[in-house]
Amino acid sequence: MSEPAFLTTTRSAYDSVAEEYAETFRSTMQDNPLDRAMLDAFADLVKEAGSQPVLDAGCGPGRVTGYLHDRGLDAFGVDLSSEMLAVARRERPSLRFEQGSLTALEVEDGTLGGLVSRCSIIHTPPEKLPDVFAEFHRVLAPGGHLMLMFFASTDASQLAWPFDHKVTLAYRLSIDRVAALLTDAGFTETARLIEQPPEDSERGFEFAHFLVRRPPES
């Protein structure tokens, strides 16, 4: 069976810019204290719940994977792009990085203590998001935590708006509509943080951090 066209397009686009992308965004997370604070909260919650592995889904060059590992989590990464994975393996050779898709993770049911998706859903066609969230729910253990980050809008009139991402087609997503999809997928919300765009922002987009949980009894 051939893969969906959006996966092929996204993979090829990131393969072609992997080294440039990794260098351009080398310090993005380190320069953002709110980003780190939410990841730290996620890491603390996962550690409190036990010692199950954590997946960085759409890991790119592996910076978030490494950050979570350095905070004591058994973190590994999955990404579509083989060239992005080559960068991740070069920079963090002791960590595990695998090629795969958000829509079909090669992870057994209920085996993860946590999952992070940092901007990896923005290239997913909006109508496919329920499938991605169902997959995230499937691989998380009952009580497991999901940290989801994406370019956001406070407008709830529709789910998504395409924009001119520098690599390939991407979508800005409605905060409330995404929250509803996560609820429909079986998650309960723990917290959300909405960052306002900086004064020098090119596009003027908000940025959303959602922390949700698969209920312990589910």
N, C-alpha and C. Protein backbone atom coordinates (compact mmCIF):
# COMPACT_ATOMS: atom_id res chain seq x y z
N MET A 1 0.85 -1.19 0.00
CA MET A 1 0.00 0.00 0.00
C MET A 1 0.89 1.25 0.00
N SER A 2 0.60 2.17 -0.91
CA SER A 2 1.39 3.40 -0.97
C SER A 2 1.00 4.32 0.18
N GLU A 3 1.94 5.13 0.65
CA GLU A 3 1.66 6.02 1.76
C GLU A 3 0.91 7.26 1.27
N PRO A 4 0.21 7.95 2.16
CA PRO A 4 -0.48 9.17 1.77
C PRO A 4 0.50 10.20 1.20
N ALA A 5 0.03 10.97 0.24
CA ALA A 5 0.89 11.92 -0.46
C ALA A 5 1.50 12.96 0.48
N PHE A 6 0.75 13.37 1.52
CA PHE A 6 1.28 14.41 2.40
C PHE A 6 2.51 13.91 3.18
N LEU A 7 2.57 12.61 3.45
CA LEU A 7 3.74 12.07 4.13
C LEU A 7 4.96 12.09 3.21
N THR A 8 4.77 11.68 1.97
CA THR A 8 5.86 11.70 1.00
C THR A 8 6.38 13.11 0.80
N THR A 9 5.47 14.06 0.65
CA THR A 9 5.86 15.45 0.44
C THR A 9 6.61 16.01 1.64
N THR A 10 6.11 15.74 2.82
CA THR A 10 6.75 16.25 4.03
C THR A 10 8.13 15.64 4.21
N ARG A 11 8.25 14.33 4.01
CA ARG A 11 9.54 13.68 4.14
C ARG A 11 10.56 14.28 3.17
N SER A 12 10.19 14.40 1.92
CA SER A 12 11.11 14.91 0.91
C SER A 12 11.53 16.34 1.22
N ALA A 13 10.58 17.15 1.67
CA ALA A 13 10.88 18.54 1.98
C ALA A 13 11.89 18.65 3.11
N TYR A 14 11.70 17.88 4.18
CA TYR A 14 12.63 17.96 5.31
C TYR A 14 13.97 17.28 5.00
N ASP A 15 13.96 16.25 4.20
CA ASP A 15 15.22 15.65 3.77
C ASP A 15 16.09 16.68 3.06
N SER A 16 15.47 17.55 2.27
CA SER A 16 16.23 18.49 1.45
C SER A 16 16.81 19.65 2.25
N VAL A 17 16.30 19.89 3.47
CA VAL A 17 16.78 21.05 4.25
C VAL A 17 17.27 20.66 5.64
N ALA A 18 17.52 19.39 5.87
CA ALA A 18 17.78 18.91 7.23
C ALA A 18 18.94 19.64 7.91
N GLU A 19 20.07 19.73 7.24
CA GLU A 19 21.23 20.36 7.87
C GLU A 19 20.98 21.84 8.13
N GLU A 20 20.42 22.53 7.15
CA GLU A 20 20.12 23.96 7.31
C GLU A 20 19.10 24.19 8.42
N TYR A 21 18.07 23.37 8.45
CA TYR A 21 17.03 23.49 9.47
C TYR A 21 17.62 23.28 10.87
N ALA A 22 18.43 22.24 11.01
CA ALA A 22 19.00 21.93 12.32
C ALA A 22 19.88 23.07 12.82
N GLU A 23 20.61 23.71 11.93
CA GLU A 23 21.47 24.81 12.34
C GLU A 23 20.67 26.07 12.63
N THR A 24 19.68 26.38 11.80
CA THR A 24 18.87 27.58 11.97
C THR A 24 18.14 27.59 13.30
N PHE A 25 17.61 26.42 13.69
CA PHE A 25 16.80 26.34 14.90
C PHE A 25 17.54 25.66 16.06
N ARG A 26 18.85 25.77 16.05
CA ARG A 26 19.66 25.10 17.06
C ARG A 26 19.30 25.53 18.47
N SER A 27 19.04 26.82 18.69
CA SER A 27 18.85 27.31 20.06
C SER A 27 17.43 27.74 20.36
N THR A 28 16.48 27.40 19.47
CA THR A 28 15.11 27.88 19.65
C THR A 28 14.53 27.50 21.00
N MET A 29 14.65 26.24 21.36
CA MET A 29 14.08 25.79 22.63
C MET A 29 14.86 26.37 23.82
N GLN A 30 16.18 26.38 23.71
CA GLN A 30 16.98 26.88 24.81
C GLN A 30 16.73 28.36 25.07
N ASP A 31 16.33 29.10 24.03
CA ASP A 31 16.09 30.53 24.17
C ASP A 31 14.69 30.86 24.68
N ASN A 32 13.83 29.86 24.84
CA ASN A 32 12.44 30.10 25.22
C ASN A 32 12.16 29.49 26.59
N PRO A 33 12.13 30.30 27.64
CA PRO A 33 11.90 29.74 28.99
C PRO A 33 10.53 29.13 29.16
N LEU A 34 9.51 29.61 28.44
CA LEU A 34 8.18 29.03 28.56
C LEU A 34 8.14 27.63 27.95
N ASP A 35 8.82 27.46 26.84
CA ASP A 35 8.92 26.15 26.20
C ASP A 35 9.57 25.15 27.17
N ARG A 36 10.67 25.56 27.75
CA ARG A 36 11.38 24.68 28.69
C ARG A 36 10.53 24.39 29.92
N ALA A 37 9.82 25.39 30.40
CA ALA A 37 9.01 25.20 31.61
C ALA A 37 7.93 24.15 31.38
N MET A 38 7.29 24.18 30.23
CA MET A 38 6.24 23.20 29.95
C MET A 38 6.83 21.81 29.77
N LEU A 39 7.98 21.72 29.11
CA LEU A 39 8.63 20.42 28.97
C LEU A 39 9.09 19.89 30.32
N ASP A 40 9.57 20.78 31.19
CA ASP A 40 9.97 20.36 32.53
C ASP A 40 8.78 19.84 33.33
N ALA A 41 7.64 20.53 33.21
CA ALA A 41 6.43 20.07 33.91
C ALA A 41 6.01 18.70 33.40
N PHE A 42 6.05 18.54 32.07
CA PHE A 42 5.75 17.25 31.46
C PHE A 42 6.68 16.17 32.01
N ALA A 43 7.97 16.45 32.04
CA ALA A 43 8.95 15.46 32.52
C ALA A 43 8.68 15.09 33.97
N ASP A 44 8.36 16.06 34.80
CA ASP A 44 8.09 15.78 36.21
C ASP A 44 6.86 14.88 36.37
N LEU A 45 5.82 15.18 35.60
CA LEU A 45 4.60 14.38 35.69
C LEU A 45 4.84 12.94 35.24
N VAL A 46 5.59 12.76 34.17
CA VAL A 46 5.89 11.42 33.68
C VAL A 46 6.70 10.64 34.70
N LYS A 47 7.70 11.29 35.30
CA LYS A 47 8.54 10.60 36.29
C LYS A 47 7.74 10.22 37.53
N GLU A 48 6.79 11.06 37.91
CA GLU A 48 5.96 10.74 39.07
C GLU A 48 5.12 9.49 38.82
N ALA A 49 4.76 9.27 37.56
CA ALA A 49 3.88 8.15 37.21
C ALA A 49 4.62 6.83 37.04
N GLY A 50 5.95 6.86 36.92
CA GLY A 50 6.71 5.63 36.75
C GLY A 50 7.88 5.80 35.81
N SER A 51 8.33 4.68 35.23
CA SER A 51 9.55 4.71 34.44
C SER A 51 9.35 4.24 33.01
N GLN A 52 8.14 4.37 32.48
CA GLN A 52 7.89 3.93 31.11
C GLN A 52 8.53 4.88 30.11
N PRO A 53 8.83 4.39 28.90
CA PRO A 53 9.51 5.23 27.90
C PRO A 53 8.65 6.41 27.46
N VAL A 54 9.34 7.40 26.87
CA VAL A 54 8.70 8.61 26.35
C VAL A 54 9.11 8.78 24.90
N LEU A 55 8.14 9.08 24.05
CA LEU A 55 8.39 9.25 22.63
C LEU A 55 8.34 10.73 22.26
N ASP A 56 9.37 11.17 21.54
CA ASP A 56 9.37 12.48 20.89
C ASP A 56 8.94 12.24 19.45
N ALA A 57 7.66 12.49 19.16
CA ALA A 57 7.06 12.14 17.88
C ALA A 57 7.23 13.30 16.89
N GLY A 58 7.98 13.06 15.81
CA GLY A 58 8.37 14.13 14.91
C GLY A 58 9.58 14.84 15.48
N CYS A 59 10.58 14.07 15.84
CA CYS A 59 11.70 14.56 16.65
C CYS A 59 12.66 15.47 15.89
N GLY A 60 12.62 15.45 14.54
CA GLY A 60 13.56 16.28 13.80
C GLY A 60 15.00 15.98 14.18
N PRO A 61 15.82 17.00 14.47
CA PRO A 61 17.21 16.77 14.83
C PRO A 61 17.43 16.28 16.26
N GLY A 62 16.35 15.98 16.98
CA GLY A 62 16.48 15.31 18.26
C GLY A 62 16.76 16.18 19.46
N ARG A 63 16.55 17.48 19.33
CA ARG A 63 16.87 18.37 20.45
C ARG A 63 15.95 18.16 21.65
N VAL A 64 14.64 17.99 21.39
CA VAL A 64 13.70 17.75 22.48
C VAL A 64 13.95 16.37 23.09
N THR A 65 14.24 15.40 22.25
CA THR A 65 14.55 14.05 22.75
C THR A 65 15.70 14.12 23.74
N GLY A 66 16.77 14.84 23.34
CA GLY A 66 17.93 14.98 24.22
C GLY A 66 17.60 15.73 25.49
N TYR A 67 16.78 16.76 25.38
CA TYR A 67 16.39 17.55 26.56
C TYR A 67 15.66 16.67 27.57
N LEU A 68 14.73 15.88 27.07
CA LEU A 68 13.97 15.00 27.97
C LEU A 68 14.86 13.92 28.58
N HIS A 69 15.77 13.38 27.78
CA HIS A 69 16.71 12.39 28.31
C HIS A 69 17.55 13.00 29.44
N ASP A 70 18.02 14.22 29.23
CA ASP A 70 18.86 14.87 30.23
C ASP A 70 18.08 15.16 31.51
N ARG A 71 16.76 15.11 31.46
CA ARG A 71 15.93 15.30 32.64
C ARG A 71 15.44 13.99 33.23
N GLY A 72 16.11 12.93 32.83
CA GLY A 72 15.90 11.64 33.49
C GLY A 72 14.88 10.73 32.87
N LEU A 73 14.39 11.06 31.67
CA LEU A 73 13.40 10.22 31.02
C LEU A 73 14.06 9.26 30.03
N ASP A 74 13.44 8.11 29.86
CA ASP A 74 13.87 7.13 28.86
C ASP A 74 13.26 7.54 27.53
N ALA A 75 13.87 8.56 26.89
CA ALA A 75 13.27 9.18 25.71
C ALA A 75 13.89 8.63 24.43
N PHE A 76 13.03 8.47 23.42
CA PHE A 76 13.50 8.12 22.08
C PHE A 76 12.69 8.92 21.06
N GLY A 77 13.21 9.00 19.83
CA GLY A 77 12.59 9.84 18.83
C GLY A 77 12.17 9.09 17.59
N VAL A 78 11.11 9.59 16.96
CA VAL A 78 10.64 9.07 15.68
C VAL A 78 10.43 10.25 14.73
N ASP A 79 10.85 10.09 13.48
CA ASP A 79 10.65 11.14 12.49
C ASP A 79 10.50 10.54 11.11
N LEU A 80 9.80 11.27 10.23
CA LEU A 80 9.65 10.84 8.84
C LEU A 80 10.95 10.91 8.06
N SER A 81 11.73 11.95 8.32
CA SER A 81 12.88 12.29 7.49
C SER A 81 14.14 11.54 7.88
N SER A 82 14.69 10.77 6.96
CA SER A 82 15.93 10.05 7.23
C SER A 82 17.11 11.01 7.42
N GLU A 83 17.06 12.16 6.74
CA GLU A 83 18.15 13.12 6.88
C GLU A 83 18.09 13.83 8.23
N MET A 84 16.89 14.12 8.70
CA MET A 84 16.77 14.67 10.05
C MET A 84 17.26 13.66 11.09
N LEU A 85 16.92 12.41 10.89
CA LEU A 85 17.36 11.37 11.82
C LEU A 85 18.88 11.23 11.80
N ALA A 86 19.50 11.44 10.64
CA ALA A 86 20.96 11.37 10.57
C ALA A 86 21.58 12.46 11.44
N VAL A 87 20.99 13.65 11.43
CA VAL A 87 21.48 14.73 12.30
C VAL A 87 21.29 14.35 13.76
N ALA A 88 20.12 13.84 14.10
CA ALA A 88 19.83 13.47 15.49
C ALA A 88 20.81 12.40 15.98
N ARG A 89 21.06 11.38 15.16
CA ARG A 89 21.96 10.31 15.57
C ARG A 89 23.40 10.79 15.70
N ARG A 90 23.78 11.75 14.87
CA ARG A 90 25.13 12.31 14.96
C ARG A 90 25.30 13.13 16.23
N GLU A 91 24.27 13.93 16.57
CA GLU A 91 24.39 14.81 17.73
C GLU A 91 24.15 14.10 19.05
N ARG A 92 23.29 13.07 19.05
CA ARG A 92 23.01 12.32 20.29
C ARG A 92 23.14 10.83 19.99
N PRO A 93 24.38 10.34 19.76
CA PRO A 93 24.56 8.95 19.33
C PRO A 93 24.14 7.91 20.35
N SER A 94 23.99 8.29 21.60
CA SER A 94 23.61 7.31 22.62
C SER A 94 22.10 7.09 22.69
N LEU A 95 21.33 7.92 21.98
CA LEU A 95 19.88 7.82 22.05
C LEU A 95 19.33 7.05 20.85
N ARG A 96 18.10 6.60 20.98
CA ARG A 96 17.44 5.80 19.93
C ARG A 96 16.56 6.70 19.07
N PHE A 97 16.78 6.62 17.77
CA PHE A 97 15.98 7.36 16.81
C PHE A 97 15.54 6.42 15.70
N GLU A 98 14.24 6.46 15.37
CA GLU A 98 13.67 5.55 14.39
C GLU A 98 12.86 6.32 13.36
N GLN A 99 12.77 5.78 12.16
CA GLN A 99 11.96 6.40 11.12
C GLN A 99 10.53 5.90 11.23
N GLY A 100 9.57 6.82 11.12
CA GLY A 100 8.18 6.42 11.21
C GLY A 100 7.26 7.61 11.05
N SER A 101 5.97 7.34 11.12
CA SER A 101 4.93 8.33 10.87
C SER A 101 4.02 8.48 12.09
N LEU A 102 3.54 9.70 12.31
CA LEU A 102 2.60 9.94 13.41
C LEU A 102 1.32 9.15 13.25
N THR A 103 0.96 8.81 12.02
CA THR A 103 -0.30 8.13 11.76
C THR A 103 -0.22 6.63 11.99
N ALA A 104 0.99 6.08 12.12
CA ALA A 104 1.15 4.63 12.30
C ALA A 104 2.44 4.37 13.06
N LEU A 105 2.45 4.67 14.34
CA LEU A 105 3.64 4.49 15.17
C LEU A 105 3.90 3.01 15.42
N GLU A 106 5.14 2.62 15.28
CA GLU A 106 5.51 1.22 15.53
C GLU A 106 5.82 1.05 17.02
N VAL A 107 4.79 1.26 17.81
CA VAL A 107 4.88 1.18 19.26
C VAL A 107 3.70 0.33 19.74
N GLU A 108 3.94 -0.55 20.67
CA GLU A 108 2.87 -1.41 21.17
C GLU A 108 1.85 -0.61 21.97
N ASP A 109 0.65 -1.12 22.01
CA ASP A 109 -0.44 -0.46 22.73
C ASP A 109 -0.08 -0.23 24.20
N GLY A 110 -0.36 0.98 24.68
CA GLY A 110 -0.28 1.25 26.11
C GLY A 110 1.08 1.09 26.75
N THR A 111 2.16 1.38 26.00
CA THR A 111 3.49 1.13 26.54
C THR A 111 4.28 2.39 26.86
N LEU A 112 3.76 3.57 26.55
CA LEU A 112 4.51 4.80 26.78
C LEU A 112 3.99 5.55 28.00
N GLY A 113 4.93 6.08 28.77
CA GLY A 113 4.55 6.94 29.88
C GLY A 113 4.27 8.36 29.44
N GLY A 114 4.80 8.74 28.27
CA GLY A 114 4.59 10.09 27.78
C GLY A 114 4.89 10.19 26.30
N LEU A 115 4.34 11.21 25.68
CA LEU A 115 4.58 11.48 24.27
C LEU A 115 4.60 12.98 24.07
N VAL A 116 5.62 13.46 23.38
CA VAL A 116 5.74 14.88 23.03
C VAL A 116 5.62 15.03 21.52
N SER A 117 4.81 15.99 21.10
CA SER A 117 4.68 16.32 19.68
C SER A 117 4.87 17.83 19.56
N ARG A 118 6.10 18.23 19.24
CA ARG A 118 6.44 19.65 19.18
C ARG A 118 6.42 20.11 17.73
N CYS A 119 5.33 20.73 17.33
CA CYS A 119 5.14 21.24 15.97
C CYS A 119 5.10 20.15 14.90
N SER A 120 5.00 18.89 15.30
CA SER A 120 5.00 17.83 14.29
C SER A 120 3.63 17.62 13.65
N ILE A 121 2.55 18.10 14.29
CA ILE A 121 1.23 17.91 13.70
C ILE A 121 0.88 19.00 12.69
N ILE A 122 1.70 20.03 12.56
CA ILE A 122 1.31 21.17 11.72
C ILE A 122 1.29 20.84 10.24
N HIS A 123 1.94 19.76 9.83
CA HIS A 123 1.93 19.37 8.42
C HIS A 123 0.87 18.30 8.12
N THR A 124 0.12 17.93 9.13
CA THR A 124 -0.93 16.92 8.95
C THR A 124 -2.20 17.58 8.42
N PRO A 125 -2.78 17.07 7.33
CA PRO A 125 -4.06 17.62 6.88
C PRO A 125 -5.06 17.61 8.02
N PRO A 126 -5.80 18.69 8.22
CA PRO A 126 -6.69 18.80 9.39
C PRO A 126 -7.64 17.63 9.56
N GLU A 127 -8.13 17.08 8.45
CA GLU A 127 -9.07 15.96 8.55
C GLU A 127 -8.42 14.69 9.08
N LYS A 128 -7.07 14.65 9.09
CA LYS A 128 -6.34 13.48 9.59
C LYS A 128 -5.98 13.61 11.08
N LEU A 129 -6.20 14.77 11.66
CA LEU A 129 -5.81 14.95 13.07
C LEU A 129 -6.51 13.98 14.02
N PRO A 130 -7.80 13.68 13.84
CA PRO A 130 -8.40 12.68 14.75
C PRO A 130 -7.68 11.34 14.70
N ASP A 131 -7.19 10.93 13.54
CA ASP A 131 -6.45 9.67 13.43
C ASP A 131 -5.13 9.75 14.19
N VAL A 132 -4.45 10.89 14.09
CA VAL A 132 -3.18 11.07 14.81
C VAL A 132 -3.42 11.05 16.32
N PHE A 133 -4.44 11.75 16.79
CA PHE A 133 -4.72 11.78 18.23
C PHE A 133 -5.15 10.40 18.74
N ALA A 134 -5.87 9.66 17.92
CA ALA A 134 -6.24 8.29 18.31
C ALA A 134 -4.99 7.41 18.42
N GLU A 135 -4.03 7.63 17.54
CA GLU A 135 -2.78 6.87 17.60
C GLU A 135 -1.99 7.24 18.84
N PHE A 136 -1.95 8.51 19.18
CA PHE A 136 -1.27 8.93 20.41
C PHE A 136 -1.93 8.28 21.63
N HIS A 137 -3.24 8.26 21.64
CA HIS A 137 -3.97 7.65 22.76
C HIS A 137 -3.66 6.16 22.84
N ARG A 138 -3.58 5.49 21.69
CA ARG A 138 -3.32 4.05 21.65
C ARG A 138 -2.00 3.68 22.31
N VAL A 139 -0.94 4.44 22.01
CA VAL A 139 0.40 4.04 22.47
C VAL A 139 0.67 4.46 23.91
N LEU A 140 -0.09 5.42 24.43
CA LEU A 140 0.12 5.84 25.81
C LEU A 140 -0.51 4.85 26.79
N ALA A 141 0.21 4.60 27.87
CA ALA A 141 -0.36 3.78 28.94
C ALA A 141 -1.47 4.56 29.64
N PRO A 142 -2.44 3.89 30.25
CA PRO A 142 -3.40 4.60 31.09
C PRO A 142 -2.66 5.46 32.11
N GLY A 143 -3.06 6.72 32.19
CA GLY A 143 -2.35 7.66 33.05
C GLY A 143 -1.20 8.37 32.38
N GLY A 144 -0.88 8.00 31.13
CA GLY A 144 0.23 8.61 30.41
C GLY A 144 -0.08 10.03 29.96
N HIS A 145 0.98 10.83 29.77
CA HIS A 145 0.84 12.25 29.47
C HIS A 145 1.24 12.56 28.03
N LEU A 146 0.51 13.49 27.41
CA LEU A 146 0.80 13.98 26.07
C LEU A 146 1.05 15.47 26.13
N MET A 147 2.19 15.90 25.58
CA MET A 147 2.49 17.32 25.42
C MET A 147 2.44 17.65 23.94
N LEU A 148 1.53 18.52 23.58
CA LEU A 148 1.28 18.87 22.17
C LEU A 148 1.54 20.36 22.00
N MET A 149 2.35 20.71 20.98
CA MET A 149 2.69 22.10 20.72
C MET A 149 2.46 22.41 19.24
N PHE A 150 1.90 23.61 18.96
CA PHE A 150 1.57 23.93 17.57
C PHE A 150 1.33 25.43 17.40
N PHE A 151 1.46 25.90 16.16
CA PHE A 151 1.08 27.27 15.83
C PHE A 151 -0.43 27.39 15.95
N ALA A 152 -0.90 28.44 16.63
CA ALA A 152 -2.28 28.43 17.09
C ALA A 152 -3.03 29.69 16.72
N SER A 153 -4.36 29.60 16.86
CA SER A 153 -5.26 30.73 16.69
C SER A 153 -6.35 30.65 17.74
N THR A 154 -6.77 31.81 18.23
CA THR A 154 -7.89 31.85 19.18
C THR A 154 -9.24 31.84 18.47
N ASP A 155 -9.23 31.86 17.15
CA ASP A 155 -10.44 31.82 16.34
C ASP A 155 -10.97 30.39 16.31
N ALA A 156 -12.21 30.20 16.73
CA ALA A 156 -12.80 28.86 16.74
C ALA A 156 -13.77 28.65 15.59
N SER A 157 -13.74 29.53 14.59
CA SER A 157 -14.69 29.41 13.48
C SER A 157 -14.38 28.24 12.57
N GLN A 158 -13.14 27.77 12.58
CA GLN A 158 -12.76 26.59 11.81
C GLN A 158 -11.56 25.95 12.49
N LEU A 159 -11.20 24.75 12.02
CA LEU A 159 -10.11 24.02 12.68
C LEU A 159 -8.74 24.52 12.29
N ALA A 160 -8.54 24.84 11.00
CA ALA A 160 -7.18 25.09 10.54
C ALA A 160 -7.13 26.12 9.41
N TRP A 161 -5.97 26.78 9.34
CA TRP A 161 -5.68 27.73 8.27
C TRP A 161 -4.31 27.40 7.70
N PRO A 162 -4.18 27.12 6.40
CA PRO A 162 -2.86 26.85 5.83
C PRO A 162 -2.00 28.12 5.83
N PHE A 163 -0.69 27.94 5.94
CA PHE A 163 0.21 29.09 5.86
C PHE A 163 1.50 28.68 5.17
N ASP A 164 2.28 29.68 4.81
CA ASP A 164 3.47 29.47 3.99
C ASP A 164 4.69 29.11 4.85
N HIS A 165 4.64 27.95 5.46
CA HIS A 165 5.80 27.43 6.20
C HIS A 165 6.99 27.36 5.26
N LYS A 166 8.19 27.62 5.79
CA LYS A 166 9.37 27.71 4.93
C LYS A 166 9.80 26.37 4.35
N VAL A 167 9.32 25.25 4.91
CA VAL A 167 9.73 23.94 4.40
C VAL A 167 8.65 23.33 3.51
N THR A 168 7.43 23.22 4.01
CA THR A 168 6.35 22.64 3.23
C THR A 168 5.02 23.08 3.82
N LEU A 169 3.92 22.77 3.15
CA LEU A 169 2.60 23.22 3.58
C LEU A 169 2.37 22.90 5.06
N ALA A 170 1.85 23.90 5.78
CA ALA A 170 1.58 23.71 7.20
C ALA A 170 0.27 24.40 7.56
N TYR A 171 -0.20 24.11 8.77
CA TYR A 171 -1.49 24.64 9.22
C TYR A 171 -1.36 25.27 10.60
N ARG A 172 -2.00 26.42 10.74
CA ARG A 172 -2.22 27.04 12.04
C ARG A 172 -3.55 26.50 12.55
N LEU A 173 -3.60 26.11 13.82
CA LEU A 173 -4.75 25.36 14.33
C LEU A 173 -5.51 26.12 15.41
N SER A 174 -6.82 25.97 15.39
CA SER A 174 -7.68 26.58 16.40
C SER A 174 -7.46 25.92 17.75
N ILE A 175 -7.19 26.73 18.75
CA ILE A 175 -6.93 26.21 20.09
C ILE A 175 -8.13 25.42 20.62
N ASP A 176 -9.30 26.00 20.55
CA ASP A 176 -10.48 25.33 21.10
C ASP A 176 -10.88 24.11 20.28
N ARG A 177 -10.70 24.18 18.97
CA ARG A 177 -11.06 23.03 18.13
C ARG A 177 -10.11 21.86 18.40
N VAL A 178 -8.83 22.14 18.58
CA VAL A 178 -7.89 21.08 18.92
C VAL A 178 -8.23 20.49 20.28
N ALA A 179 -8.57 21.34 21.24
CA ALA A 179 -8.96 20.84 22.57
C ALA A 179 -10.14 19.89 22.47
N ALA A 180 -11.10 20.22 21.61
CA ALA A 180 -12.27 19.35 21.45
C ALA A 180 -11.88 18.02 20.81
N LEU A 181 -10.98 18.04 19.84
CA LEU A 181 -10.53 16.80 19.22
C LEU A 181 -9.79 15.91 20.21
N LEU A 182 -9.00 16.52 21.07
CA LEU A 182 -8.29 15.74 22.09
C LEU A 182 -9.28 15.10 23.07
N THR A 183 -10.31 15.84 23.43
CA THR A 183 -11.35 15.27 24.30
C THR A 183 -12.04 14.10 23.61
N ASP A 184 -12.36 14.28 22.34
CA ASP A 184 -13.01 13.22 21.58
C ASP A 184 -12.13 11.97 21.48
N ALA A 185 -10.80 12.18 21.48
CA ALA A 185 -9.86 11.06 21.38
C ALA A 185 -9.68 10.34 22.71
N GLY A 186 -10.26 10.88 23.79
CA GLY A 186 -10.20 10.21 25.08
C GLY A 186 -9.25 10.83 26.09
N PHE A 187 -8.73 12.03 25.79
CA PHE A 187 -7.80 12.69 26.70
C PHE A 187 -8.54 13.65 27.63
N THR A 188 -7.94 13.89 28.78
CA THR A 188 -8.40 14.93 29.68
C THR A 188 -7.31 15.99 29.79
N GLU A 189 -7.73 17.25 29.78
CA GLU A 189 -6.77 18.34 29.76
C GLU A 189 -6.22 18.60 31.17
N THR A 190 -4.90 18.76 31.24
CA THR A 190 -4.22 19.09 32.49
C THR A 190 -3.90 20.58 32.55
N ALA A 191 -3.36 21.11 31.44
CA ALA A 191 -2.98 22.52 31.41
C ALA A 191 -2.80 22.96 29.97
N ARG A 192 -2.88 24.27 29.78
CA ARG A 192 -2.53 24.83 28.48
C ARG A 192 -1.82 26.16 28.69
N LEU A 193 -0.90 26.45 27.81
CA LEU A 193 -0.18 27.72 27.83
C LEU A 193 -0.23 28.28 26.41
N ILE A 194 -0.70 29.50 26.27
CA ILE A 194 -0.76 30.14 24.96
C ILE A 194 0.24 31.31 24.96
N GLU A 195 1.27 31.17 24.14
CA GLU A 195 2.26 32.23 24.01
C GLU A 195 1.79 33.24 22.97
N GLN A 196 1.87 34.50 23.33
CA GLN A 196 1.60 35.55 22.36
C GLN A 196 2.81 35.73 21.45
N PRO A 197 2.60 36.17 20.20
CA PRO A 197 3.74 36.32 19.30
C PRO A 197 4.68 37.43 19.78
N PRO A 198 5.98 37.24 19.63
CA PRO A 198 6.92 38.30 19.98
C PRO A 198 6.75 39.50 19.04
N GLU A 199 7.27 40.65 19.46
CA GLU A 199 7.11 41.87 18.67
C GLU A 199 7.73 41.75 17.28
N ASP A 200 8.79 40.97 17.16
CA ASP A 200 9.46 40.83 15.86
C ASP A 200 8.98 39.61 15.09
N SER A 201 7.82 39.04 15.48
CA SER A 201 7.30 37.85 14.82
C SER A 201 7.01 38.12 13.35
N GLU A 202 7.43 37.18 12.50
CA GLU A 202 7.20 37.32 11.06
C GLU A 202 5.73 37.18 10.72
N ARG A 203 5.04 36.24 11.38
CA ARG A 203 3.65 35.96 11.03
C ARG A 203 2.64 36.42 12.07
N GLY A 204 3.09 36.66 13.29
CA GLY A 204 2.17 37.10 14.33
C GLY A 204 1.27 35.99 14.86
N PHE A 205 1.78 34.77 14.89
CA PHE A 205 0.99 33.62 15.35
C PHE A 205 1.17 33.40 16.85
N GLU A 206 0.08 33.03 17.51
CA GLU A 206 0.19 32.48 18.86
C GLU A 206 0.83 31.08 18.77
N PHE A 207 1.31 30.61 19.92
CA PHE A 207 1.89 29.27 19.98
C PHE A 207 1.29 28.57 21.19
N ALA A 208 0.72 27.40 20.96
CA ALA A 208 0.00 26.69 22.02
C ALA A 208 0.79 25.51 22.54
N HIS A 209 0.75 25.34 23.85
CA HIS A 209 1.28 24.16 24.54
C HIS A 209 0.09 23.51 25.24
N PHE A 210 -0.23 22.29 24.88
CA PHE A 210 -1.32 21.56 25.52
C PHE A 210 -0.71 20.37 26.28
N LEU A 211 -1.07 20.24 27.53
CA LEU A 211 -0.69 19.08 28.33
C LEU A 211 -1.97 18.34 28.68
N VAL A 212 -2.10 17.12 28.14
CA VAL A 212 -3.30 16.32 28.39
C VAL A 212 -2.86 14.93 28.85
N ARG A 213 -3.84 14.16 29.31
CA ARG A 213 -3.52 12.87 29.90
C ARG A 213 -4.54 11.82 29.44
N ARG A 214 -4.05 10.62 29.20
CA ARG A 214 -4.96 9.50 29.04
C ARG A 214 -5.41 9.08 30.44
N PRO A 215 -6.71 9.09 30.71
CA PRO A 215 -7.18 8.78 32.07
C PRO A 215 -6.66 7.43 32.56
N PRO A 216 -6.35 7.34 33.85
CA PRO A 216 -5.78 6.10 34.39
C PRO A 216 -6.66 4.89 34.17
N GLU A 217 -7.97 5.07 34.12
CA GLU A 217 -8.87 3.94 34.01
C GLU A 217 -9.16 3.56 32.56
N SER A 218 -8.64 4.31 31.59
CA SER A 218 -9.02 4.06 30.19
C SER A 218 -8.11 3.01 29.55
